Amino acid sequence: MSRSGYSEDYDGWDFPELAMGRWRGVVLSATRGKRGQAFLKDLLAALDAMPEKRLIADDLERNGEFCTIGALGHKRGVDMSKLDPDDYDSVAATFGIASPLAQEVVFMNDEGFHCKTPEERWHKMRNWVASQIKPDTAS
Protein backbone atom coordinates (compact mmCIF):
# COMPACT_ATOMS: atom_id res chain seq x y z
CA MET A 1 0.00 0.00 0.00
CA SER A 2 1.22 3.50 -0.75
CA ARG A 3 1.40 6.60 1.42
CA SER A 4 -2.00 7.57 -0.03
CA GLY A 5 -3.61 4.46 1.42
CA TYR A 6 -4.69 3.33 -2.03
CA SER A 7 -4.30 -0.33 -2.88
CA GLU A 8 -4.80 -2.52 -5.92
CA ASP A 9 -5.50 -5.54 -3.74
CA TYR A 10 -9.13 -6.47 -4.41
CA ASP A 11 -8.77 -10.18 -3.62
CA GLY A 12 -11.85 -11.42 -1.85
CA TRP A 13 -14.05 -8.51 -2.91
CA ASP A 14 -17.28 -9.57 -4.60
CA PHE A 15 -17.62 -6.42 -6.71
CA PRO A 16 -14.37 -4.41 -6.77
CA GLU A 17 -15.65 -2.18 -9.59
CA LEU A 18 -18.55 -1.03 -7.42
CA ALA A 19 -16.26 -0.37 -4.47
CA MET A 20 -13.92 1.67 -6.65
CA GLY A 21 -16.88 3.56 -8.12
CA ARG A 22 -18.17 4.40 -4.64
CA TRP A 23 -14.68 5.52 -3.60
CA ARG A 24 -14.37 7.80 -6.65
CA GLY A 25 -17.74 9.33 -5.71
CA VAL A 26 -16.52 10.05 -2.19
CA VAL A 27 -13.34 11.68 -3.56
CA LEU A 28 -15.37 13.81 -5.98
CA SER A 29 -17.70 14.90 -3.20
CA ALA A 30 -14.76 15.91 -1.00
CA THR A 31 -13.13 17.74 -3.91
CA ARG A 32 -16.23 19.64 -5.03
CA GLY A 33 -17.41 20.62 -1.55
CA LYS A 34 -16.89 23.99 0.09
CA ARG A 35 -13.96 22.86 2.27
CA GLY A 36 -12.32 20.99 -0.59
CA GLN A 37 -12.56 23.93 -2.96
CA ALA A 38 -11.18 26.36 -0.35
CA PHE A 39 -8.30 23.95 0.30
CA LEU A 40 -7.55 23.58 -3.42
CA LYS A 41 -7.51 27.34 -3.93
CA ASP A 42 -5.13 27.77 -1.00
CA LEU A 43 -3.05 24.88 -2.32
CA LEU A 44 -2.77 26.48 -5.75
CA ALA A 45 -1.68 29.79 -4.20
CA ALA A 46 0.94 27.98 -2.10
CA LEU A 47 2.32 26.20 -5.15
CA ASP A 48 2.47 29.42 -7.13
CA ALA A 49 4.23 31.18 -4.23
CA MET A 50 7.03 28.61 -4.02
CA PRO A 51 10.36 30.27 -4.84
CA GLU A 52 11.68 26.99 -6.28
CA LYS A 53 9.06 25.13 -8.29
CA ARG A 54 9.98 21.64 -7.07
CA LEU A 55 7.98 18.98 -5.23
CA ILE A 56 9.17 15.82 -3.52
CA ALA A 57 7.39 12.49 -3.12
CA ASP A 58 6.93 10.20 -0.12
CA ASP A 59 7.26 12.86 2.63
CA LEU A 60 5.57 16.10 3.65
CA GLU A 61 8.94 17.80 4.06
CA ARG A 62 12.52 16.70 3.51
CA ASN A 63 15.61 18.90 3.68
CA GLY A 64 13.62 22.09 3.11
CA GLU A 65 11.64 20.67 0.19
CA PHE A 66 7.96 19.77 0.24
CA CYS A 67 5.32 17.58 -1.33
CA THR A 68 2.14 19.26 -2.57
CA ILE A 69 0.35 19.25 0.79
CA GLY A 70 3.62 20.08 2.52
CA ALA A 71 3.92 23.25 0.42
CA LEU A 72 0.62 24.46 1.87
CA GLY A 73 1.65 23.39 5.36
CA HIS A 74 4.84 25.40 5.03
CA LYS A 75 2.90 28.45 3.86
CA ARG A 76 0.49 28.09 6.81
CA GLY A 77 3.30 27.57 9.32
CA VAL A 78 2.33 23.99 10.17
CA ASP A 79 5.04 22.02 12.01
CA MET A 80 5.06 19.05 9.69
CA SER A 81 7.62 17.18 11.78
CA LYS A 82 4.71 16.44 14.15
CA LEU A 83 2.61 14.90 11.35
CA ASP A 84 2.94 11.31 10.20
CA PRO A 85 2.75 11.52 6.40
CA ASP A 86 1.22 8.03 6.32
CA ASP A 87 -1.62 9.00 8.67
CA TYR A 88 -3.95 10.65 6.16
CA ASP A 89 -6.67 11.14 8.78
CA SER A 90 -4.44 13.40 10.89
CA VAL A 91 -3.07 15.15 7.80
CA ALA A 92 -6.64 15.77 6.61
CA ALA A 93 -7.69 17.07 10.04
CA THR A 94 -4.68 19.41 10.15
CA PHE A 95 -5.68 20.91 6.80
CA GLY A 96 -9.44 20.93 7.44
CA ILE A 97 -10.37 18.56 4.64
CA ALA A 98 -11.89 15.11 4.26
CA SER A 99 -9.48 12.16 4.38
CA PRO A 100 -10.35 11.01 0.83
CA LEU A 101 -9.21 14.37 -0.56
CA ALA A 102 -5.94 14.15 1.37
CA GLN A 103 -5.44 10.63 0.01
CA GLU A 104 -6.17 11.78 -3.53
CA VAL A 105 -3.65 14.63 -3.39
CA VAL A 106 -1.02 12.32 -1.90
CA PHE A 107 -1.69 9.68 -4.57
CA MET A 108 -1.44 12.21 -7.39
CA ASN A 109 1.75 13.71 -5.91
CA ASP A 110 3.52 10.41 -5.26
CA GLU A 111 2.21 8.05 -7.92
CA GLY A 112 -0.20 9.75 -10.30
CA PHE A 113 2.21 11.09 -12.89
CA HIS A 114 5.42 9.01 -12.59
CA CYS A 115 7.53 12.18 -12.66
CA LYS A 116 11.23 12.00 -13.36
CA THR A 117 12.17 15.29 -11.68
CA PRO A 118 10.88 17.44 -8.80
CA GLU A 119 10.31 20.26 -11.32
CA GLU A 120 8.15 18.02 -13.50
CA ARG A 121 6.17 16.96 -10.40
CA TRP A 122 5.55 20.63 -9.52
CA HIS A 123 4.24 21.45 -13.02
CA LYS A 124 1.99 18.40 -13.21
CA MET A 125 0.62 18.87 -9.69
CA ARG A 126 0.08 22.59 -10.20
CA ASN A 127 -1.92 21.87 -13.36
CA TRP A 128 -3.85 19.06 -11.67
CA VAL A 129 -4.76 21.23 -8.66
CA ALA A 130 -5.90 24.04 -10.98
CA SER A 131 -8.04 21.57 -12.94
CA GLN A 132 -9.84 20.50 -9.74
CA ILE A 133 -11.02 24.02 -8.90
CA LYS A 134 -14.56 24.78 -10.02
CA PRO A 135 -15.07 28.09 -11.78
CA ASP A 136 -16.79 30.64 -9.56
CA THR A 137 -20.46 30.85 -10.50
CA ALA A 138 -21.22 33.89 -8.34
CA SER A 139 -21.98 37.01 -10.37
C-alpha atoms as a PDB file:
ATOM      1  CA  MET A   1       0.000   0.000   0.000  1.00  0.00           C
ATOM      2  CA  SER A   2       1.217   3.501  -0.748  1.00  0.00           C
ATOM      3  CA  ARG A   3       1.396   6.604   1.424  1.00  0.00           C
ATOM      4  CA  SER A   4      -1.998   7.570  -0.032  1.00  0.00           C
ATOM      5  CA  GLY A   5      -3.606   4.459   1.423  1.00  0.00           C
ATOM      6  CA  TYR A   6      -4.686   3.333  -2.031  1.00  0.00           C
ATOM      7  CA  SER A   7      -4.298  -0.331  -2.878  1.00  0.00           C
ATOM      8  CA  GLU A   8      -4.801  -2.520  -5.921  1.00  0.00           C
ATOM      9  CA  ASP A   9      -5.504  -5.544  -3.742  1.00  0.00           C
ATOM     10  CA  TYR A  10      -9.129  -6.466  -4.408  1.00  0.00           C
ATOM     11  CA  ASP A  11      -8.772 -10.175  -3.619  1.00  0.00           C
ATOM     12  CA  GLY A  12     -11.849 -11.425  -1.850  1.00  0.00           C
ATOM     13  CA  TRP A  13     -14.053  -8.509  -2.906  1.00  0.00           C
ATOM     14  CA  ASP A  14     -17.279  -9.573  -4.601  1.00  0.00           C
ATOM     15  CA  PHE A  15     -17.624  -6.415  -6.705  1.00  0.00           C
ATOM     16  CA  PRO A  16     -14.371  -4.414  -6.768  1.00  0.00           C
ATOM     17  CA  GLU A  17     -15.646  -2.183  -9.593  1.00  0.00           C
ATOM     18  CA  LEU A  18     -18.547  -1.033  -7.421  1.00  0.00           C
ATOM     19  CA  ALA A  19     -16.256  -0.373  -4.468  1.00  0.00           C
ATOM     20  CA  MET A  20     -13.921   1.671  -6.650  1.00  0.00           C
ATOM     21  CA  GLY A  21     -16.876   3.564  -8.119  1.00  0.00           C
ATOM     22  CA  ARG A  22     -18.167   4.399  -4.640  1.00  0.00           C
ATOM     23  CA  TRP A  23     -14.681   5.519  -3.603  1.00  0.00           C
ATOM     24  CA  ARG A  24     -14.373   7.801  -6.653  1.00  0.00           C
ATOM     25  CA  GLY A  25     -17.736   9.326  -5.713  1.00  0.00           C
ATOM     26  CA  VAL A  26     -16.516  10.049  -2.191  1.00  0.00           C
ATOM     27  CA  VAL A  27     -13.341  11.677  -3.561  1.00  0.00           C
ATOM     28  CA  LEU A  28     -15.373  13.806  -5.981  1.00  0.00           C
ATOM     29  CA  SER A  29     -17.702  14.896  -3.205  1.00  0.00           C
ATOM     30  CA  ALA A  30     -14.762  15.910  -0.999  1.00  0.00           C
ATOM     31  CA  THR A  31     -13.132  17.741  -3.905  1.00  0.00           C
ATOM     32  CA  ARG A  32     -16.230  19.640  -5.026  1.00  0.00           C
ATOM     33  CA  GLY A  33     -17.408  20.621  -1.551  1.00  0.00           C
ATOM     34  CA  LYS A  34     -16.887  23.995   0.090  1.00  0.00           C
ATOM     35  CA  ARG A  35     -13.958  22.860   2.271  1.00  0.00           C
ATOM     36  CA  GLY A  36     -12.324  20.991  -0.593  1.00  0.00           C
ATOM     37  CA  GLN A  37     -12.561  23.930  -2.958  1.00  0.00           C
ATOM     38  CA  ALA A  38     -11.181  26.357  -0.349  1.00  0.00           C
ATOM     39  CA  PHE A  39      -8.300  23.949   0.298  1.00  0.00           C
ATOM     40  CA  LEU A  40      -7.549  23.576  -3.417  1.00  0.00           C
ATOM     41  CA  LYS A  41      -7.514  27.343  -3.935  1.00  0.00           C
ATOM     42  CA  ASP A  42      -5.128  27.765  -1.000  1.00  0.00           C
ATOM     43  CA  LEU A  43      -3.045  24.884  -2.318  1.00  0.00           C
ATOM     44  CA  LEU A  44      -2.769  26.482  -5.754  1.00  0.00           C
ATOM     45  CA  ALA A  45      -1.683  29.791  -4.200  1.00  0.00           C
ATOM     46  CA  ALA A  46       0.938  27.982  -2.097  1.00  0.00           C
ATOM     47  CA  LEU A  47       2.321  26.196  -5.151  1.00  0.00           C
ATOM     48  CA  ASP A  48       2.474  29.424  -7.126  1.00  0.00           C
ATOM     49  CA  ALA A  49       4.228  31.179  -4.230  1.00  0.00           C
ATOM     50  CA  MET A  50       7.031  28.607  -4.022  1.00  0.00           C
ATOM     51  CA  PRO A  51      10.357  30.269  -4.840  1.00  0.00           C
ATOM     52  CA  GLU A  52      11.683  26.993  -6.281  1.00  0.00           C
ATOM     53  CA  LYS A  53       9.065  25.133  -8.288  1.00  0.00           C
ATOM     54  CA  ARG A  54       9.984  21.642  -7.069  1.00  0.00           C
ATOM     55  CA  LEU A  55       7.982  18.979  -5.231  1.00  0.00           C
ATOM     56  CA  ILE A  56       9.173  15.817  -3.516  1.00  0.00           C
ATOM     57  CA  ALA A  57       7.387  12.488  -3.119  1.00  0.00           C
ATOM     58  CA  ASP A  58       6.927  10.202  -0.122  1.00  0.00           C
ATOM     59  CA  ASP A  59       7.262  12.862   2.631  1.00  0.00           C
ATOM     60  CA  LEU A  60       5.565  16.102   3.645  1.00  0.00           C
ATOM     61  CA  GLU A  61       8.941  17.804   4.057  1.00  0.00           C
ATOM     62  CA  ARG A  62      12.517  16.701   3.511  1.00  0.00           C
ATOM     63  CA  ASN A  63      15.614  18.899   3.676  1.00  0.00           C
ATOM     64  CA  GLY A  64      13.623  22.085   3.113  1.00  0.00           C
ATOM     65  CA  GLU A  65      11.643  20.668   0.191  1.00  0.00           C
ATOM     66  CA  PHE A  66       7.963  19.769   0.238  1.00  0.00           C
ATOM     67  CA  CYS A  67       5.317  17.577  -1.326  1.00  0.00           C
ATOM     68  CA  THR A  68       2.136  19.262  -2.571  1.00  0.00           C
ATOM     69  CA  ILE A  69       0.345  19.253   0.793  1.00  0.00           C
ATOM     70  CA  GLY A  70       3.621  20.076   2.522  1.00  0.00           C
ATOM     71  CA  ALA A  71       3.924  23.247   0.425  1.00  0.00           C
ATOM     72  CA  LEU A  72       0.622  24.465   1.872  1.00  0.00           C
ATOM     73  CA  GLY A  73       1.648  23.389   5.356  1.00  0.00           C
ATOM     74  CA  HIS A  74       4.844  25.396   5.033  1.00  0.00           C
ATOM     75  CA  LYS A  75       2.903  28.449   3.857  1.00  0.00           C
ATOM     76  CA  ARG A  76       0.493  28.092   6.806  1.00  0.00           C
ATOM     77  CA  GLY A  77       3.305  27.570   9.322  1.00  0.00           C
ATOM     78  CA  VAL A  78       2.328  23.987  10.174  1.00  0.00           C
ATOM     79  CA  ASP A  79       5.039  22.023  12.006  1.00  0.00           C
ATOM     80  CA  MET A  80       5.055  19.051   9.694  1.00  0.00           C
ATOM     81  CA  SER A  81       7.618  17.180  11.784  1.00  0.00           C
ATOM     82  CA  LYS A  82       4.709  16.444  14.146  1.00  0.00           C
ATOM     83  CA  LEU A  83       2.612  14.901  11.350  1.00  0.00           C
ATOM     84  CA  ASP A  84       2.938  11.310  10.204  1.00  0.00           C
ATOM     85  CA  PRO A  85       2.754  11.517   6.400  1.00  0.00           C
ATOM     86  CA  ASP A  86       1.221   8.034   6.315  1.00  0.00           C
ATOM     87  CA  ASP A  87      -1.625   9.004   8.670  1.00  0.00           C
ATOM     88  CA  TYR A  88      -3.951  10.647   6.158  1.00  0.00           C
ATOM     89  CA  ASP A  89      -6.674  11.144   8.777  1.00  0.00           C
ATOM     90  CA  SER A  90      -4.440  13.397  10.894  1.00  0.00           C
ATOM     91  CA  VAL A  91      -3.074  15.146   7.802  1.00  0.00           C
ATOM     92  CA  ALA A  92      -6.636  15.767   6.613  1.00  0.00           C
ATOM     93  CA  ALA A  93      -7.689  17.067  10.043  1.00  0.00           C
ATOM     94  CA  THR A  94      -4.682  19.410  10.154  1.00  0.00           C
ATOM     95  CA  PHE A  95      -5.675  20.909   6.799  1.00  0.00           C
ATOM     96  CA  GLY A  96      -9.438  20.927   7.444  1.00  0.00           C
ATOM     97  CA  ILE A  97     -10.366  18.559   4.640  1.00  0.00           C
ATOM     98  CA  ALA A  98     -11.890  15.114   4.262  1.00  0.00           C
ATOM     99  CA  SER A  99      -9.480  12.161   4.376  1.00  0.00           C
ATOM    100  CA  PRO A 100     -10.353  11.011   0.834  1.00  0.00           C
ATOM    101  CA  LEU A 101      -9.207  14.373  -0.558  1.00  0.00           C
ATOM    102  CA  ALA A 102      -5.937  14.147   1.366  1.00  0.00           C
ATOM    103  CA  GLN A 103      -5.440  10.630   0.010  1.00  0.00           C
ATOM    104  CA  GLU A 104      -6.165  11.775  -3.533  1.00  0.00           C
ATOM    105  CA  VAL A 105      -3.650  14.633  -3.387  1.00  0.00           C
ATOM    106  CA  VAL A 106      -1.018  12.317  -1.905  1.00  0.00           C
ATOM    107  CA  PHE A 107      -1.694   9.681  -4.572  1.00  0.00           C
ATOM    108  CA  MET A 108      -1.436  12.207  -7.389  1.00  0.00           C
ATOM    109  CA  ASN A 109       1.750  13.706  -5.915  1.00  0.00           C
ATOM    110  CA  ASP A 110       3.520  10.412  -5.255  1.00  0.00           C
ATOM    111  CA  GLU A 111       2.212   8.049  -7.925  1.00  0.00           C
ATOM    112  CA  GLY A 112      -0.200   9.751 -10.302  1.00  0.00           C
ATOM    113  CA  PHE A 113       2.207  11.091 -12.890  1.00  0.00           C
ATOM    114  CA  HIS A 114       5.415   9.014 -12.588  1.00  0.00           C
ATOM    115  CA  CYS A 115       7.528  12.176 -12.664  1.00  0.00           C
ATOM    116  CA  LYS A 116      11.228  11.999 -13.357  1.00  0.00           C
ATOM    117  CA  THR A 117      12.166  15.294 -11.679  1.00  0.00           C
ATOM    118  CA  PRO A 118      10.884  17.440  -8.804  1.00  0.00           C
ATOM    119  CA  GLU A 119      10.309  20.257 -11.316  1.00  0.00           C
ATOM    120  CA  GLU A 120       8.146  18.019 -13.503  1.00  0.00           C
ATOM    121  CA  ARG A 121       6.169  16.961 -10.398  1.00  0.00           C
ATOM    122  CA  TRP A 122       5.550  20.632  -9.519  1.00  0.00           C
ATOM    123  CA  HIS A 123       4.242  21.445 -13.015  1.00  0.00           C
ATOM    124  CA  LYS A 124       1.990  18.400 -13.208  1.00  0.00           C
ATOM    125  CA  MET A 125       0.621  18.873  -9.685  1.00  0.00           C
ATOM    126  CA  ARG A 126       0.078  22.594 -10.200  1.00  0.00           C
ATOM    127  CA  ASN A 127      -1.916  21.869 -13.364  1.00  0.00           C
ATOM    128  CA  TRP A 128      -3.846  19.061 -11.668  1.00  0.00           C
ATOM    129  CA  VAL A 129      -4.764  21.226  -8.660  1.00  0.00           C
ATOM    130  CA  ALA A 130      -5.897  24.037 -10.976  1.00  0.00           C
ATOM    131  CA  SER A 131      -8.042  21.567 -12.941  1.00  0.00           C
ATOM    132  CA  GLN A 132      -9.840  20.498  -9.744  1.00  0.00           C
ATOM    133  CA  ILE A 133     -11.020  24.018  -8.899  1.00  0.00           C
ATOM    134  CA  LYS A 134     -14.556  24.776 -10.016  1.00  0.00           C
ATOM    135  CA  PRO A 135     -15.068  28.086 -11.777  1.00  0.00           C
ATOM    136  CA  ASP A 136     -16.793  30.644  -9.560  1.00  0.00           C
ATOM    137  CA  THR A 137     -20.456  30.854 -10.495  1.00  0.00           C
ATOM    138  CA  ALA A 138     -21.223  33.893  -8.337  1.00  0.00           C
ATOM    139  CA  SER A 139     -21.977  37.005 -10.372  1.00  0.00           C
END
